[in-house]
Protein backbone atom coordinates (compact mmCIF):
# COMPACT_ATOMS: atom_id res chain seq x y z
CA ASN A 1 85.84 106.14 109.06
CA SER A 2 87.27 106.29 105.61
CA THR A 3 90.59 107.54 104.30
CA GLU A 4 88.84 110.75 103.28
CA ASP A 5 87.87 111.34 106.91
CA LEU A 6 91.52 111.13 107.94
CA GLU A 7 92.86 113.68 105.48
CA PRO A 8 91.70 116.80 107.40
CA LEU A 9 92.97 115.32 110.67
CA ILE A 10 96.37 114.53 109.21
CA SER A 11 96.62 117.99 107.65
CA ALA A 12 95.77 119.62 110.97
CA PHE A 13 98.33 117.48 112.81
CA PHE A 14 101.14 118.31 110.41
CA GLY A 15 100.12 121.97 110.39
CA LYS A 16 100.74 122.05 114.13
CA MET A 17 103.88 119.95 113.91
CA VAL A 18 105.70 122.31 111.55
CA LYS A 19 105.43 124.99 114.23
CA ALA A 20 107.39 122.81 116.66
CA GLY A 21 111.08 123.24 117.32
CA PRO A 22 113.54 121.65 114.90
CA THR A 23 114.94 119.25 117.49
CA ALA A 24 111.47 118.18 118.55
CA ILE A 25 110.53 117.42 114.95
CA ALA A 26 113.70 115.36 114.49
CA GLU A 27 112.95 113.45 117.70
CA ILE A 28 109.35 112.78 116.61
CA LYS A 29 110.66 111.26 113.39
CA GLN A 30 113.16 109.12 115.33
CA VAL A 31 110.49 107.91 117.77
CA LEU A 32 108.22 106.97 114.87
CA LYS A 33 111.08 104.88 113.42
CA THR A 34 112.24 103.23 116.65
CA GLY A 35 109.27 103.33 119.00
CA ASN A 36 111.59 104.52 121.80
CA GLU A 37 109.46 107.32 123.23
CA MET A 38 111.40 107.69 126.48
CA SER A 39 114.68 108.43 124.71
CA GLY A 40 113.04 111.09 122.54
CA PHE A 41 111.32 112.66 125.54
CA VAL A 42 114.55 112.85 127.55
CA HIS A 43 116.53 114.20 124.61
CA CYS A 44 114.02 116.98 123.97
CA PHE A 45 113.82 118.05 127.60
CA ASN A 46 117.60 118.37 127.90
CA ARG A 47 117.78 121.10 125.25
CA ASP A 48 117.62 124.91 125.19
CA GLU A 49 114.84 124.49 122.65
CA CYS A 50 112.65 123.01 125.37
CA ARG A 51 113.19 125.98 127.66
CA GLU A 52 112.31 128.37 124.81
CA GLY A 53 109.18 126.39 123.98
CA MET A 54 107.99 126.37 127.58
CA ALA A 55 108.78 130.07 128.04
CA ALA A 56 106.91 130.95 124.84
CA PHE A 57 103.92 128.90 125.97
CA LEU A 58 103.83 130.51 129.41
CA GLU A 59 104.30 134.00 127.93
CA LYS A 60 101.63 133.30 125.30
CA ARG A 61 103.92 134.16 122.39
CA PRO A 62 105.30 132.32 119.38
CA ALA A 63 108.54 130.48 120.07
CA ALA A 64 111.74 131.84 118.57
CA TRP A 65 113.35 128.63 117.32
CA THR A 66 117.01 128.63 116.42
CA LYS A 67 118.77 126.08 114.25
CA THR A 68 121.26 123.96 116.16
């Protein structure tokens, strides 16, 4: 695999990521910096944003993210 092979994969990943909730994106960035996945996971699941994301998924609709 070359760098050129990675470009479409990276673009697809970030295309999906920008649809995520604002808190989740912030936590992803923090986990990438610290490597502490458990803390990020717990923080995300203790938020209203998580409930909205799960409800949207189950109801097969786009999530209505709010800025916190």
